Amino acid sequence: MKTVRAADQTQIEAFADALWLERGLSRNTLSAYQTDLRKLSEWLSASGQCELVNVRRDQLQSYLAKLAGSSHSSRSVARFLSAARQFYQWLSREGRIQTDPTAQIEAPRLGRPLPKSLTEGEVEALLEAPDLSTPEGFRDRTMLELLYATGLRVSELVGLGMESVSLNQGLVRVIGKGDKERLVPLGEVAVDWIQRFVAEYRGELLKKQVSSALFPTRRGGGMTRQAFWYRIRKHAQTADIKSHLSPHTLRHAFATHLVNHGADLRVVQMLLGHSDLSTTQIYTHVARERLENLYKKHHPRA
């Protein structure tokens, strides 16, 4: 049975707490880092090797080779190495190790895959898939409308409270990665769906329970990311959508369709909450790829 040494677990938790305080990383990122480090600890323990604080560079390289030789993508390997680098740099700053074992270890080269999106027709089909005769269906339709109208991350959507939305101003206040706050316009269609959901169906879901969640479940609390992602896939099956879906599908569609219709990249950056414009620039590649495909399909000399 694979186990994490108690000393390793203590170090991992202290590292995550320090990283959260120092850099304000999201809980999802910190959780992924902790998982990666625990797996390294399990591997070291199973092979009778040292604790995390005493690991050598050649041992890390062996573990990286093991990851690369299995089903892990180069992106997963790079994420592990990023977690390991930050962990050992933290141990070094704390004076707990003399030498950083990740120094001089090169990260795998990563291509930059284009985000998968949906066509505007597929988005319409997905939006129309929930059964509006049920409170859950109306809630799901409202959540999908809000996602497509704002480009929120799923984690941001399910974390919205009643106080997060100003329907009079047509704005939603979002707490994004690194606890950074941004205001995102809603649009008239999304405002209308939220008004109707709150007035007619939210109370029916809650019964007599009290909840601050904008989109509660019948248990009274907010929905989890995993639960909403399951419901997106269910509605996609109903809509007979064959395209690849991810939790970011509607976020990508929001950005791609804005760029396709001529939106300024800086505006898209602010709406998505990207700290760096280079992250947003991927959508210009998506738009260019779409134009090339349309040209090849329709131009007689293509």
C-alpha atoms as a PDB file:
ATOM      1  CA  MET A   1       0.000   0.000   0.000  1.00  0.00           C
ATOM      2  CA  LYS A   2       1.382   3.390  -0.979  1.00  0.00           C
ATOM      3  CA  THR A   3       1.859   5.782   1.925  1.00  0.00           C
ATOM      4  CA  VAL A   4       3.124   9.309   2.449  1.00  0.00           C
ATOM      5  CA  ARG A   5       5.609   9.643   5.272  1.00  0.00           C
ATOM      6  CA  ALA A   6       4.295  11.766   8.153  1.00  0.00           C
ATOM      7  CA  ALA A   7       7.329  14.054   7.944  1.00  0.00           C
ATOM      8  CA  ASP A   8       6.736  14.561   4.218  1.00  0.00           C
ATOM      9  CA  GLN A   9       3.059  15.327   4.766  1.00  0.00           C
ATOM     10  CA  THR A  10       3.949  17.946   7.384  1.00  0.00           C
ATOM     11  CA  GLN A  11       6.405  19.617   5.002  1.00  0.00           C
ATOM     12  CA  ILE A  12       3.909  19.562   2.123  1.00  0.00           C
ATOM     13  CA  GLU A  13       1.164  21.173   4.206  1.00  0.00           C
ATOM     14  CA  ALA A  14       3.527  23.850   5.536  1.00  0.00           C
ATOM     15  CA  PHE A  15       4.681  24.572   1.971  1.00  0.00           C
ATOM     16  CA  ALA A  16       1.091  24.958   0.728  1.00  0.00           C
ATOM     17  CA  ASP A  17       0.234  27.321   3.588  1.00  0.00           C
ATOM     18  CA  ALA A  18       3.336  29.418   2.885  1.00  0.00           C
ATOM     19  CA  LEU A  19       2.619  29.552  -0.850  1.00  0.00           C
ATOM     20  CA  TRP A  20      -0.948  30.649  -0.226  1.00  0.00           C
ATOM     21  CA  LEU A  21       0.199  33.442   2.096  1.00  0.00           C
ATOM     22  CA  GLU A  22       3.109  34.573  -0.083  1.00  0.00           C
ATOM     23  CA  ARG A  23       1.591  34.331  -3.553  1.00  0.00           C
ATOM     24  CA  GLY A  24      -2.137  33.978  -3.049  1.00  0.00           C
ATOM     25  CA  LEU A  25      -2.394  30.986  -5.375  1.00  0.00           C
ATOM     26  CA  SER A  26      -5.833  29.438  -5.805  1.00  0.00           C
ATOM     27  CA  ARG A  27      -6.814  26.481  -3.658  1.00  0.00           C
ATOM     28  CA  ASN A  28      -7.130  24.361  -6.809  1.00  0.00           C
ATOM     29  CA  THR A  29      -3.505  25.059  -7.782  1.00  0.00           C
ATOM     30  CA  LEU A  30      -2.265  24.397  -4.257  1.00  0.00           C
ATOM     31  CA  SER A  31      -4.229  21.152  -4.127  1.00  0.00           C
ATOM     32  CA  ALA A  32      -2.656  20.022  -7.424  1.00  0.00           C
ATOM     33  CA  TYR A  33       0.828  20.841  -6.124  1.00  0.00           C
ATOM     34  CA  GLN A  34       0.212  18.908  -2.912  1.00  0.00           C
ATOM     35  CA  THR A  35      -1.056  15.894  -4.874  1.00  0.00           C
ATOM     36  CA  ASP A  36       2.074  15.915  -7.065  1.00  0.00           C
ATOM     37  CA  LEU A  37       4.382  16.089  -4.046  1.00  0.00           C
ATOM     38  CA  ARG A  38       2.500  13.347  -2.192  1.00  0.00           C
ATOM     39  CA  LYS A  39       2.882  11.066  -5.220  1.00  0.00           C
ATOM     40  CA  LEU A  40       6.624  11.722  -5.198  1.00  0.00           C
ATOM     41  CA  SER A  41       6.713  10.903  -1.486  1.00  0.00           C
ATOM     42  CA  GLU A  42       4.779   7.672  -2.108  1.00  0.00           C
ATOM     43  CA  TRP A  43       7.228   6.663  -4.847  1.00  0.00           C
ATOM     44  CA  LEU A  44      10.236   7.373  -2.631  1.00  0.00           C
ATOM     45  CA  SER A  45       8.687   5.440   0.242  1.00  0.00           C
ATOM     46  CA  ALA A  46       7.698   2.454  -1.927  1.00  0.00           C
ATOM     47  CA  SER A  47      11.225   2.177  -3.303  1.00  0.00           C
ATOM     48  CA  GLY A  48      12.816   2.445   0.139  1.00  0.00           C
ATOM     49  CA  GLN A  49      14.380   5.822  -0.587  1.00  0.00           C
ATOM     50  CA  CYS A  50      14.761   9.003   1.420  1.00  0.00           C
ATOM     51  CA  GLU A  51      12.318  11.609   2.669  1.00  0.00           C
ATOM     52  CA  LEU A  52      11.472  14.582   0.468  1.00  0.00           C
ATOM     53  CA  VAL A  53      13.922  16.931   2.197  1.00  0.00           C
ATOM     54  CA  ASN A  54      16.837  14.609   1.433  1.00  0.00           C
ATOM     55  CA  VAL A  55      16.040  13.790  -2.185  1.00  0.00           C
ATOM     56  CA  ARG A  56      18.851  14.009  -4.745  1.00  0.00           C
ATOM     57  CA  ARG A  57      18.717  15.374  -8.272  1.00  0.00           C
ATOM     58  CA  ASP A  58      19.277  11.940  -9.814  1.00  0.00           C
ATOM     59  CA  GLN A  59      16.301  10.575  -7.853  1.00  0.00           C
ATOM     60  CA  LEU A  60      14.095  13.382  -9.135  1.00  0.00           C
ATOM     61  CA  GLN A  61      15.307  12.707 -12.668  1.00  0.00           C
ATOM     62  CA  SER A  62      14.418   9.027 -12.257  1.00  0.00           C
ATOM     63  CA  TYR A  63      10.935   9.983 -11.082  1.00  0.00           C
ATOM     64  CA  LEU A  64      10.522  12.390 -14.022  1.00  0.00           C
ATOM     65  CA  ALA A  65      11.590   9.621 -16.396  1.00  0.00           C
ATOM     66  CA  LYS A  66       8.995   7.334 -14.807  1.00  0.00           C
ATOM     67  CA  LEU A  67       6.272   9.951 -15.343  1.00  0.00           C
ATOM     68  CA  ALA A  68       7.349  10.608 -18.916  1.00  0.00           C
ATOM     69  CA  GLY A  69       7.401   6.891 -19.669  1.00  0.00           C
ATOM     70  CA  SER A  70       3.860   6.345 -18.404  1.00  0.00           C
ATOM     71  CA  SER A  71       0.629   7.876 -19.639  1.00  0.00           C
ATOM     72  CA  HIS A  72       1.431  11.330 -18.233  1.00  0.00           C
ATOM     73  CA  SER A  73       1.497  14.161 -20.759  1.00  0.00           C
ATOM     74  CA  SER A  74       4.438  16.537 -21.019  1.00  0.00           C
ATOM     75  CA  ARG A  75       2.175  19.175 -19.480  1.00  0.00           C
ATOM     76  CA  SER A  76       1.569  16.982 -16.403  1.00  0.00           C
ATOM     77  CA  VAL A  77       5.311  16.374 -16.073  1.00  0.00           C
ATOM     78  CA  ALA A  78       5.967  20.112 -16.357  1.00  0.00           C
ATOM     79  CA  ARG A  79       3.371  20.833 -13.668  1.00  0.00           C
ATOM     80  CA  PHE A  80       5.032  18.339 -11.322  1.00  0.00           C
ATOM     81  CA  LEU A  81       8.419  19.931 -11.939  1.00  0.00           C
ATOM     82  CA  SER A  82       6.936  23.374 -11.257  1.00  0.00           C
ATOM     83  CA  ALA A  83       5.539  22.114  -7.939  1.00  0.00           C
ATOM     84  CA  ALA A  84       8.859  20.468  -7.051  1.00  0.00           C
ATOM     85  CA  ARG A  85      10.867  23.600  -7.940  1.00  0.00           C
ATOM     86  CA  GLN A  86       8.737  25.818  -5.750  1.00  0.00           C
ATOM     87  CA  PHE A  87       8.789  23.277  -2.921  1.00  0.00           C
ATOM     88  CA  TYR A  88      12.570  22.960  -2.856  1.00  0.00           C
ATOM     89  CA  GLN A  89      13.100  26.684  -3.329  1.00  0.00           C
ATOM     90  CA  TRP A  90      10.884  27.199  -0.281  1.00  0.00           C
ATOM     91  CA  LEU A  91      12.856  24.606   1.712  1.00  0.00           C
ATOM     92  CA  SER A  92      16.062  26.400   0.701  1.00  0.00           C
ATOM     93  CA  ARG A  93      14.714  29.806   1.800  1.00  0.00           C
ATOM     94  CA  GLU A  94      13.659  28.255   5.091  1.00  0.00           C
ATOM     95  CA  GLY A  95      17.176  26.917   5.589  1.00  0.00           C
ATOM     96  CA  ARG A  96      16.007  23.296   5.676  1.00  0.00           C
ATOM     97  CA  ILE A  97      18.165  22.192   2.733  1.00  0.00           C
ATOM     98  CA  GLN A  98      21.558  23.362   1.485  1.00  0.00           C
ATOM     99  CA  THR A  99      21.182  22.472  -2.198  1.00  0.00           C
ATOM    100  CA  ASP A 100      18.141  22.725  -4.467  1.00  0.00           C
ATOM    101  CA  PRO A 101      17.856  19.318  -6.218  1.00  0.00           C
ATOM    102  CA  THR A 102      15.695  20.795  -8.996  1.00  0.00           C
ATOM    103  CA  ALA A 103      18.444  23.152 -10.135  1.00  0.00           C
ATOM    104  CA  GLN A 104      19.676  22.358 -13.637  1.00  0.00           C
ATOM    105  CA  ILE A 105      16.742  20.034 -14.351  1.00  0.00           C
ATOM    106  CA  GLU A 106      15.168  21.147 -17.621  1.00  0.00           C
ATOM    107  CA  ALA A 107      11.418  21.233 -18.030  1.00  0.00           C
ATOM    108  CA  PRO A 108       9.919  19.291 -20.969  1.00  0.00           C
ATOM    109  CA  ARG A 109       9.228  21.375 -24.045  1.00  0.00           C
ATOM    110  CA  LEU A 110       5.558  22.208 -24.346  1.00  0.00           C
ATOM    111  CA  GLY A 111       3.616  23.022 -27.433  1.00  0.00           C
ATOM    112  CA  ARG A 112       0.800  25.483 -27.017  1.00  0.00           C
ATOM    113  CA  PRO A 113      -2.385  23.655 -27.897  1.00  0.00           C
ATOM    114  CA  LEU A 114      -5.284  25.733 -29.121  1.00  0.00           C
ATOM    115  CA  PRO A 115      -8.225  25.687 -26.710  1.00  0.00           C
ATOM    116  CA  LYS A 116     -11.143  23.566 -27.851  1.00  0.00           C
ATOM    117  CA  SER A 117     -14.280  25.585 -28.314  1.00  0.00           C
ATOM    118  CA  LEU A 118     -17.833  25.203 -29.573  1.00  0.00           C
ATOM    119  CA  THR A 119     -19.428  26.746 -32.611  1.00  0.00           C
ATOM    120  CA  GLU A 120     -22.139  29.320 -32.013  1.00  0.00           C
ATOM    121  CA  GLY A 121     -24.715  26.739 -33.135  1.00  0.00           C
ATOM    122  CA  GLU A 122     -23.401  24.175 -30.640  1.00  0.00           C
ATOM    123  CA  VAL A 123     -23.561  26.749 -27.845  1.00  0.00           C
ATOM    124  CA  GLU A 124     -27.210  27.462 -28.704  1.00  0.00           C
ATOM    125  CA  ALA A 125     -27.980  23.722 -28.639  1.00  0.00           C
ATOM    126  CA  LEU A 126     -26.260  23.323 -25.261  1.00  0.00           C
ATOM    127  CA  LEU A 127     -28.115  26.300 -23.794  1.00  0.00           C
ATOM    128  CA  GLU A 128     -31.452  24.859 -24.898  1.00  0.00           C
ATOM    129  CA  ALA A 129     -30.767  21.344 -23.543  1.00  0.00           C
ATOM    130  CA  PRO A 130     -31.862  21.694 -19.851  1.00  0.00           C
ATOM    131  CA  ASP A 131     -35.472  20.839 -19.003  1.00  0.00           C
ATOM    132  CA  LEU A 132     -37.007  24.169 -17.990  1.00  0.00           C
ATOM    133  CA  SER A 133     -39.997  22.522 -16.341  1.00  0.00           C
ATOM    134  CA  THR A 134     -37.846  21.604 -13.312  1.00  0.00           C
ATOM    135  CA  PRO A 135     -36.066  23.944 -10.850  1.00  0.00           C
ATOM    136  CA  GLU A 136     -32.789  22.113 -11.511  1.00  0.00           C
ATOM    137  CA  GLY A 137     -33.175  22.505 -15.250  1.00  0.00           C
ATOM    138  CA  PHE A 138     -33.969  26.207 -14.991  1.00  0.00           C
ATOM    139  CA  ARG A 139     -30.994  26.668 -12.659  1.00  0.00           C
ATOM    140  CA  ASP A 140     -28.692  24.848 -15.094  1.00  0.00           C
ATOM    141  CA  ARG A 141     -29.925  26.944 -18.045  1.00  0.00           C
ATOM    142  CA  THR A 142     -29.297  30.109 -16.047  1.00  0.00           C
ATOM    143  CA  MET A 143     -25.807  28.956 -15.088  1.00  0.00           C
ATOM    144  CA  LEU A 144     -24.983  28.090 -18.700  1.00  0.00           C
ATOM    145  CA  GLU A 145     -26.298  31.450 -19.892  1.00  0.00           C
ATOM    146  CA  LEU A 146     -24.183  33.206 -17.274  1.00  0.00           C
ATOM    147  CA  LEU A 147     -21.077  31.208 -18.224  1.00  0.00           C
ATOM    148  CA  TYR A 148     -21.419  32.034 -21.902  1.00  0.00           C
ATOM    149  CA  ALA A 149     -22.271  35.677 -21.182  1.00  0.00           C
ATOM    150  CA  THR A 150     -19.286  36.301 -18.905  1.00  0.00           C
ATOM    151  CA  GLY A 151     -16.555  33.727 -19.577  1.00  0.00           C
ATOM    152  CA  LEU A 152     -16.292  32.880 -15.872  1.00  0.00           C
ATOM    153  CA  ARG A 153     -14.328  29.861 -14.721  1.00  0.00           C
ATOM    154  CA  VAL A 154     -16.597  27.080 -13.437  1.00  0.00           C
ATOM    155  CA  SER A 155     -15.058  27.468  -9.968  1.00  0.00           C
ATOM    156  CA  GLU A 156     -15.938  31.181 -10.066  1.00  0.00           C
ATOM    157  CA  LEU A 157     -19.495  30.445 -11.192  1.00  0.00           C
ATOM    158  CA  VAL A 158     -20.345  27.912  -8.483  1.00  0.00           C
ATOM    159  CA  GLY A 159     -18.790  30.193  -5.866  1.00  0.00           C
ATOM    160  CA  LEU A 160     -21.100  33.126  -6.615  1.00  0.00           C
ATOM    161  CA  GLY A 161     -23.251  34.404  -3.765  1.00  0.00           C
ATOM    162  CA  MET A 162     -26.431  36.449  -3.928  1.00  0.00           C
ATOM    163  CA  GLU A 163     -24.373  39.526  -3.083  1.00  0.00           C
ATOM    164  CA  SER A 164     -22.058  38.907  -6.065  1.00  0.00           C
ATOM    165  CA  VAL A 165     -24.601  40.039  -8.646  1.00  0.00           C
ATOM    166  CA  SER A 166     -25.995  43.526  -9.224  1.00  0.00           C
ATOM    167  CA  LEU A 167     -28.901  43.082 -11.616  1.00  0.00           C
ATOM    168  CA  ASN A 168     -29.685  46.802 -11.672  1.00  0.00           C
ATOM    169  CA  GLN A 169     -26.159  47.609 -12.845  1.00  0.00           C
ATOM    170  CA  GLY A 170     -25.832  44.449 -14.917  1.00  0.00           C
ATOM    171  CA  LEU A 171     -22.570  43.423 -13.232  1.00  0.00           C
ATOM    172  CA  VAL A 172     -21.176  40.385 -11.470  1.00  0.00           C
ATOM    173  CA  ARG A 173     -18.338  40.675  -8.951  1.00  0.00           C
ATOM    174  CA  VAL A 174     -15.937  37.762  -9.279  1.00  0.00           C
ATOM    175  CA  ILE A 175     -13.138  36.594  -7.003  1.00  0.00           C
ATOM    176  CA  GLY A 176     -10.708  34.901  -9.375  1.00  0.00           C
ATOM    177  CA  LYS A 177      -7.272  33.314  -9.157  1.00  0.00           C
ATOM    178  CA  GLY A 178      -5.047  34.729  -6.461  1.00  0.00           C
ATOM    179  CA  ASP A 179      -8.142  36.211  -4.777  1.00  0.00           C
ATOM    180  CA  LYS A 180      -8.164  38.975  -7.391  1.00  0.00           C
ATOM    181  CA  GLU A 181     -11.490  40.752  -7.786  1.00  0.00           C
ATOM    182  CA  ARG A 182     -12.951  41.858 -11.114  1.00  0.00           C
ATOM    183  CA  LEU A 183     -16.273  43.217 -12.339  1.00  0.00           C
ATOM    184  CA  VAL A 184     -17.772  41.595 -15.417  1.00  0.00           C
ATOM    185  CA  PRO A 185     -20.811  42.895 -17.371  1.00  0.00           C
ATOM    186  CA  LEU A 186     -23.719  40.464 -17.608  1.00  0.00           C
ATOM    187  CA  GLY A 187     -25.750  41.452 -20.640  1.00  0.00           C
ATOM    188  CA  GLU A 188     -29.541  41.718 -20.806  1.00  0.00           C
ATOM    189  CA  VAL A 189     -30.174  38.047 -21.612  1.00  0.00           C
ATOM    190  CA  ALA A 190     -28.186  36.766 -18.611  1.00  0.00           C
ATOM    191  CA  VAL A 191     -29.802  39.357 -16.323  1.00  0.00           C
ATOM    192  CA  ASP A 192     -33.256  38.194 -17.430  1.00  0.00           C
ATOM    193  CA  TRP A 193     -32.465  34.521 -16.742  1.00  0.00           C
ATOM    194  CA  ILE A 194     -31.053  35.305 -13.288  1.00  0.00           C
ATOM    195  CA  GLN A 195     -34.072  37.455 -12.378  1.00  0.00           C
ATOM    196  CA  ARG A 196     -36.487  34.704 -13.380  1.00  0.00           C
ATOM    197  CA  PHE A 197     -34.494  31.992 -11.592  1.00  0.00           C
ATOM    198  CA  VAL A 198     -34.273  33.957  -8.330  1.00  0.00           C
ATOM    199  CA  ALA A 199     -37.940  34.966  -8.450  1.00  0.00           C
ATOM    200  CA  GLU A 200     -39.454  31.616  -9.450  1.00  0.00           C
ATOM    201  CA  TYR A 201     -37.125  28.668  -8.799  1.00  0.00           C
ATOM    202  CA  ARG A 202     -34.384  29.411  -6.260  1.00  0.00           C
ATOM    203  CA  GLY A 203     -36.818  29.318  -3.342  1.00  0.00           C
ATOM    204  CA  GLU A 204     -38.305  26.069  -4.640  1.00  0.00           C
ATOM    205  CA  LEU A 205     -34.855  24.455  -4.544  1.00  0.00           C
ATOM    206  CA  LEU A 206     -34.133  25.727  -1.033  1.00  0.00           C
ATOM    207  CA  LYS A 207     -37.609  25.167   0.476  1.00  0.00           C
ATOM    208  CA  LYS A 208     -37.151  26.670   3.963  1.00  0.00           C
ATOM    209  CA  GLN A 209     -33.367  26.431   3.999  1.00  0.00           C
ATOM    210  CA  VAL A 210     -31.213  29.548   4.128  1.00  0.00           C
ATOM    211  CA  SER A 211     -28.276  29.851   1.751  1.00  0.00           C
ATOM    212  CA  SER A 212     -26.127  32.657   0.388  1.00  0.00           C
ATOM    213  CA  ALA A 213     -25.309  30.671  -2.781  1.00  0.00           C
ATOM    214  CA  LEU A 214     -26.752  32.181  -5.945  1.00  0.00           C
ATOM    215  CA  PHE A 215     -27.173  28.707  -7.464  1.00  0.00           C
ATOM    216  CA  PRO A 216     -27.984  26.317  -4.596  1.00  0.00           C
ATOM    217  CA  THR A 217     -28.763  22.616  -4.655  1.00  0.00           C
ATOM    218  CA  ARG A 218     -31.730  21.069  -2.866  1.00  0.00           C
ATOM    219  CA  ARG A 219     -29.382  20.428   0.066  1.00  0.00           C
ATOM    220  CA  GLY A 220     -29.025  24.169   0.572  1.00  0.00           C
ATOM    221  CA  GLY A 221     -25.368  24.618  -0.286  1.00  0.00           C
ATOM    222  CA  GLY A 222     -23.662  25.726  -3.461  1.00  0.00           C
ATOM    223  CA  MET A 223     -22.912  23.251  -6.235  1.00  0.00           C
ATOM    224  CA  THR A 224     -19.423  21.783  -6.547  1.00  0.00           C
ATOM    225  CA  ARG A 225     -17.312  22.203  -9.691  1.00  0.00           C
ATOM    226  CA  GLN A 226     -17.454  18.442 -10.238  1.00  0.00           C
ATOM    227  CA  ALA A 227     -21.250  18.307  -9.942  1.00  0.00           C
ATOM    228  CA  PHE A 228     -21.755  21.128 -12.423  1.00  0.00           C
ATOM    229  CA  TRP A 229     -19.237  19.628 -14.844  1.00  0.00           C
ATOM    230  CA  TYR A 230     -21.232  16.370 -14.705  1.00  0.00           C
ATOM    231  CA  ARG A 231     -24.391  18.310 -15.541  1.00  0.00           C
ATOM    232  CA  ILE A 232     -22.706  20.079 -18.474  1.00  0.00           C
ATOM    233  CA  ARG A 233     -21.759  16.702 -19.963  1.00  0.00           C
ATOM    234  CA  LYS A 234     -25.295  15.431 -19.407  1.00  0.00           C
ATOM    235  CA  HIS A 235     -26.773  18.419 -21.236  1.00  0.00           C
ATOM    236  CA  ALA A 236     -24.201  18.064 -24.030  1.00  0.00           C
ATOM    237  CA  GLN A 237     -25.397  14.484 -24.582  1.00  0.00           C
ATOM    238  CA  THR A 238     -28.985  15.736 -24.748  1.00  0.00           C
ATOM    239  CA  ALA A 239     -27.918  18.330 -27.336  1.00  0.00           C
ATOM    240  CA  ASP A 240     -26.036  15.629 -29.293  1.00  0.00           C
ATOM    241  CA  ILE A 241     -22.812  17.643 -29.192  1.00  0.00           C
ATOM    242  CA  LYS A 242     -19.897  15.541 -30.428  1.00  0.00           C
ATOM    243  CA  SER A 243     -17.177  18.152 -29.892  1.00  0.00           C
ATOM    244  CA  HIS A 244     -14.667  17.662 -27.092  1.00  0.00           C
ATOM    245  CA  LEU A 245     -15.844  19.292 -23.875  1.00  0.00           C
ATOM    246  CA  SER A 246     -13.830  20.480 -20.895  1.00  0.00           C
ATOM    247  CA  PRO A 247     -14.790  22.480 -17.784  1.00  0.00           C
ATOM    248  CA  HIS A 248     -13.522  25.549 -19.674  1.00  0.00           C
ATOM    249  CA  THR A 249     -15.501  24.893 -22.866  1.00  0.00           C
ATOM    250  CA  LEU A 250     -17.943  27.784 -22.517  1.00  0.00           C
ATOM    251  CA  ARG A 251     -15.172  30.082 -21.265  1.00  0.00           C
ATOM    252  CA  HIS A 252     -13.221  29.334 -24.442  1.00  0.00           C
ATOM    253  CA  ALA A 253     -16.365  29.802 -26.538  1.00  0.00           C
ATOM    254  CA  PHE A 254     -17.024  33.169 -24.879  1.00  0.00           C
ATOM    255  CA  ALA A 255     -13.507  34.418 -25.680  1.00  0.00           C
ATOM    256  CA  THR A 256     -13.306  32.871 -29.150  1.00  0.00           C
ATOM    257  CA  HIS A 257     -16.653  34.262 -30.275  1.00  0.00           C
ATOM    258  CA  LEU A 258     -15.783  37.720 -28.929  1.00  0.00           C
ATOM    259  CA  VAL A 259     -12.513  37.753 -30.883  1.00  0.00           C
ATOM    260  CA  ASN A 260     -14.238  36.373 -33.995  1.00  0.00           C
ATOM    261  CA  HIS A 261     -16.663  39.290 -33.846  1.00  0.00           C
ATOM    262  CA  GLY A 262     -13.893  41.859 -33.541  1.00  0.00           C
ATOM    263  CA  ALA A 263     -13.517  42.422 -29.777  1.00  0.00           C
ATOM    264  CA  ASP A 264     -10.323  44.131 -28.621  1.00  0.00           C
ATOM    265  CA  LEU A 265      -7.892  41.653 -27.059  1.00  0.00           C
ATOM    266  CA  ARG A 266      -7.288  43.897 -24.031  1.00  0.00           C
ATOM    267  CA  VAL A 267     -11.019  43.892 -23.289  1.00  0.00           C
ATOM    268  CA  VAL A 268     -11.143  40.091 -23.522  1.00  0.00           C
ATOM    269  CA  GLN A 269      -8.135  39.918 -21.193  1.00  0.00           C
ATOM    270  CA  MET A 270      -9.912  42.015 -18.544  1.00  0.00           C
ATOM    271  CA  LEU A 271     -13.154  40.062 -18.871  1.00  0.00           C
ATOM    272  CA  LEU A 272     -11.374  36.715 -18.465  1.00  0.00           C
ATOM    273  CA  GLY A 273      -9.249  37.951 -15.570  1.00  0.00           C
ATOM    274  CA  HIS A 274      -5.923  37.083 -17.236  1.00  0.00           C
ATOM    275  CA  SER A 275      -2.985  38.805 -15.545  1.00  0.00           C
ATOM    276  CA  ASP A 276      -0.867  38.559 -18.708  1.00  0.00           C
ATOM    277  CA  LEU A 277      -2.008  39.489 -22.219  1.00  0.00           C
ATOM    278  CA  SER A 278       0.073  36.636 -23.656  1.00  0.00           C
ATOM    279  CA  THR A 279      -2.398  34.190 -22.074  1.00  0.00           C
ATOM    280  CA  THR A 280      -5.265  35.849 -23.929  1.00  0.00           C
ATOM    281  CA  GLN A 281      -3.404  36.001 -27.245  1.00  0.00           C
ATOM    282  CA  ILE A 282      -4.059  32.299 -27.814  1.00  0.00           C
ATOM    283  CA  TYR A 283      -7.558  33.321 -28.974  1.00  0.00           C
ATOM    284  CA  THR A 284      -6.114  35.292 -31.879  1.00  0.00           C
ATOM    285  CA  HIS A 285      -4.616  31.997 -33.069  1.00  0.00           C
ATOM    286  CA  VAL A 286      -8.025  30.357 -32.727  1.00  0.00           C
ATOM    287  CA  ALA A 287      -9.619  33.125 -34.801  1.00  0.00           C
ATOM    288  CA  ARG A 288      -6.857  32.891 -37.423  1.00  0.00           C
ATOM    289  CA  GLU A 289      -7.277  29.109 -37.655  1.00  0.00           C
ATOM    290  CA  ARG A 290     -11.028  29.561 -38.161  1.00  0.00           C
ATOM    291  CA  LEU A 291     -10.481  32.095 -40.946  1.00  0.00           C
ATOM    292  CA  GLU A 292      -7.999  29.783 -42.677  1.00  0.00           C
ATOM    293  CA  ASN A 293     -10.466  26.889 -42.518  1.00  0.00           C
ATOM    294  CA  LEU A 294     -13.263  29.057 -43.908  1.00  0.00           C
ATOM    295  CA  TYR A 295     -10.985  30.239 -46.712  1.00  0.00           C
ATOM    296  CA  LYS A 296      -9.974  26.711 -47.637  1.00  0.00           C
ATOM    297  CA  LYS A 297     -13.581  25.562 -47.549  1.00  0.00           C
ATOM    298  CA  HIS A 298     -15.168  28.357 -49.562  1.00  0.00           C
ATOM    299  CA  HIS A 299     -12.575  30.020 -51.809  1.00  0.00           C
ATOM    300  CA  PRO A 300     -12.469  28.479 -55.319  1.00  0.00           C
ATOM    301  CA  ARG A 301      -8.667  28.940 -55.538  1.00  0.00           C
ATOM    302  CA  ALA A 302      -7.855  27.673 -52.065  1.00  0.00           C
END
